[in-house]
Structures are given as C-alpha cells and as structure tokens.
C-alpha cells in the first residue's frame, strides 16, 4: 500500500520544482532583454559587465517563500543604475535605436 505522506511530499516537491523552473524562465527573459539593450547601446563588453551586475543583484535579493514571484525588475533597475553611474556615456541617438521599427508590435 502506498504511503499517503510520501505521495503528498512528492507532489509538493514537484510543485516547488515546477515553480522554481517557472521563476528561472522569467528571470532568463528579463536578463536577456536587458543584456540585448545594453549590448545594442554600449557593446559586448559593457553587456557582459551588466550581466554580472544583474546576477550579483539577483544573489542579494531576498527570495520569497510560497507562491510569490521574485521581482526580476529589481535586479534590472540596480544593474541599470550601475551602468548609468559607472558605464560609458550614452551615445547620441541611442533612444531611436531602441524604438520599435514601423510595423513592429510591442
């Protein structure tokens, strides 16, 4: 006969594993979008440093318990602030480089 506690524990563990996987997918999307923007504006080396800053901030974040979703944007905001303080000057016309092209949807 199956032990109900074991089944319950496995189901709960599976649920947390799936939740963690979902969190990682969202984190990857946020980091990827941030790095693409930095690379487009400032180049590969600055994008690499900004990625390291983003990951460093992620490590400092308090991870929630339960079902609440981490605020990945917090890591992006902090890494962006570091870029603004320590990174290269923003190139002239950079804003238009990030604007969607005609016909693109956001």
Protein backbone atom coordinates (compact mmCIF):
# COMPACT_ATOMS: atom_id res chain seq x y z
CA UNK A 1 0.00 0.00 0.00
CA UNK A 2 1.24 3.49 -0.85
CA UNK A 3 2.07 5.87 1.94
CA UNK A 4 -0.12 8.99 1.55
CA UNK A 5 2.52 11.16 3.24
CA UNK A 6 5.11 10.09 0.68
CA UNK A 7 2.76 10.84 -2.22
CA UNK A 8 1.85 14.20 -0.69
CA UNK A 9 5.52 15.08 -0.15
CA UNK A 10 6.41 14.12 -3.72
CA UNK A 11 3.52 16.18 -5.09
CA UNK A 12 4.58 19.16 -3.00
CA UNK A 13 8.21 18.75 -4.08
CA UNK A 14 7.14 18.52 -7.73
CA UNK A 15 5.07 21.67 -7.33
CA UNK A 16 8.05 23.60 -5.91
CA UNK A 17 10.33 22.30 -8.65
CA UNK A 18 7.87 23.48 -11.29
CA UNK A 19 7.54 26.86 -9.56
CA UNK A 20 11.33 27.24 -9.48
CA UNK A 21 11.54 26.34 -13.17
CA UNK A 22 8.90 28.95 -13.97
CA UNK A 23 10.86 31.55 -11.98
CA UNK A 24 14.01 30.74 -13.92
CA UNK A 25 12.27 31.14 -17.27
CA UNK A 26 11.04 34.60 -16.23
CA UNK A 27 14.50 35.54 -14.94
CA UNK A 28 16.12 34.44 -18.20
CA UNK A 29 13.68 36.54 -20.21
CA UNK A 30 14.31 39.63 -18.08
CA UNK A 31 18.09 39.23 -18.17
CA UNK A 32 18.10 38.53 -21.90
CA UNK A 33 16.08 41.65 -22.73
CA UNK A 34 18.29 43.79 -20.51
CA UNK A 35 21.53 42.45 -21.98
CA UNK A 36 20.32 42.86 -25.58
CA UNK A 37 19.53 46.53 -24.88
CA UNK A 38 22.88 47.16 -23.19
CA UNK A 39 24.77 45.42 -25.98
CA UNK A 40 22.95 47.40 -28.64
CA UNK A 41 23.74 50.69 -26.91
CA UNK A 42 27.18 50.07 -25.43
CA UNK A 43 28.69 46.92 -26.91
CA UNK A 44 29.54 43.41 -25.83
CA UNK A 45 31.99 44.21 -23.02
CA UNK A 46 29.57 46.52 -21.23
CA UNK A 47 26.78 43.97 -21.75
CA UNK A 48 28.96 41.31 -20.10
CA UNK A 49 29.66 43.56 -17.11
CA UNK A 50 25.99 44.49 -16.82
CA UNK A 51 25.04 40.80 -16.87
CA UNK A 52 27.44 40.19 -13.99
CA UNK A 53 25.94 43.15 -12.11
CA UNK A 54 22.43 41.78 -12.73
CA UNK A 55 23.38 38.34 -11.44
CA UNK A 56 25.12 39.86 -8.42
CA UNK A 57 21.96 41.77 -7.54
CA UNK A 58 19.89 38.62 -8.03
CA UNK A 59 22.09 36.87 -5.48
CA UNK A 60 21.44 39.68 -2.97
CA UNK A 61 17.67 39.57 -3.36
CA UNK A 62 15.52 38.04 -0.64
CA UNK A 63 13.88 35.05 -2.24
CA UNK A 64 10.23 34.78 -1.43
CA UNK A 65 8.64 31.78 0.11
CA UNK A 66 5.44 30.25 -1.14
CA UNK A 67 3.92 31.25 -4.44
CA UNK A 68 5.02 34.88 -4.70
CA UNK A 69 7.10 35.72 -7.76
CA UNK A 70 10.51 37.37 -7.34
CA UNK A 71 10.79 40.89 -8.72
CA UNK A 72 13.33 40.38 -11.50
CA UNK A 73 13.00 44.03 -12.46
CA UNK A 74 14.70 44.95 -9.19
CA UNK A 75 17.89 43.33 -10.48
CA UNK A 76 17.48 45.17 -13.80
CA UNK A 77 16.97 48.53 -12.10
CA UNK A 78 20.07 48.11 -9.93
CA UNK A 79 22.23 46.91 -12.84
CA UNK A 80 20.94 49.85 -14.92
CA UNK A 81 21.83 52.26 -12.15
CA UNK A 82 25.35 50.84 -12.01
CA UNK A 83 25.59 51.23 -15.77
CA UNK A 84 24.43 54.85 -15.51
CA UNK A 85 26.94 55.60 -12.76
CA UNK A 86 29.96 53.64 -13.97
CA UNK A 87 29.28 52.77 -17.60
CA UNK A 88 30.15 54.69 -20.74
CA UNK A 89 28.26 57.82 -21.77
CA UNK A 90 25.06 57.16 -23.68
CA UNK A 91 25.74 57.52 -27.40
CA UNK A 92 23.93 60.28 -29.27
CA UNK A 93 20.75 58.97 -30.87
CA UNK A 94 20.68 55.89 -28.66
CA UNK A 95 16.99 56.30 -27.90
CA UNK A 96 15.98 55.82 -31.51
CA UNK A 97 17.98 52.57 -31.63
CA UNK A 98 15.69 51.05 -29.03
CA UNK A 99 12.42 52.30 -30.52
CA UNK A 100 10.39 49.64 -32.33
CA UNK A 101 10.55 49.83 -36.10
CA UNK A 102 7.48 50.65 -38.06
CA UNK A 103 5.17 47.67 -38.18
CA UNK A 104 6.69 46.04 -35.06
CA UNK A 105 4.35 45.39 -32.19
CA UNK A 106 5.36 45.73 -28.56
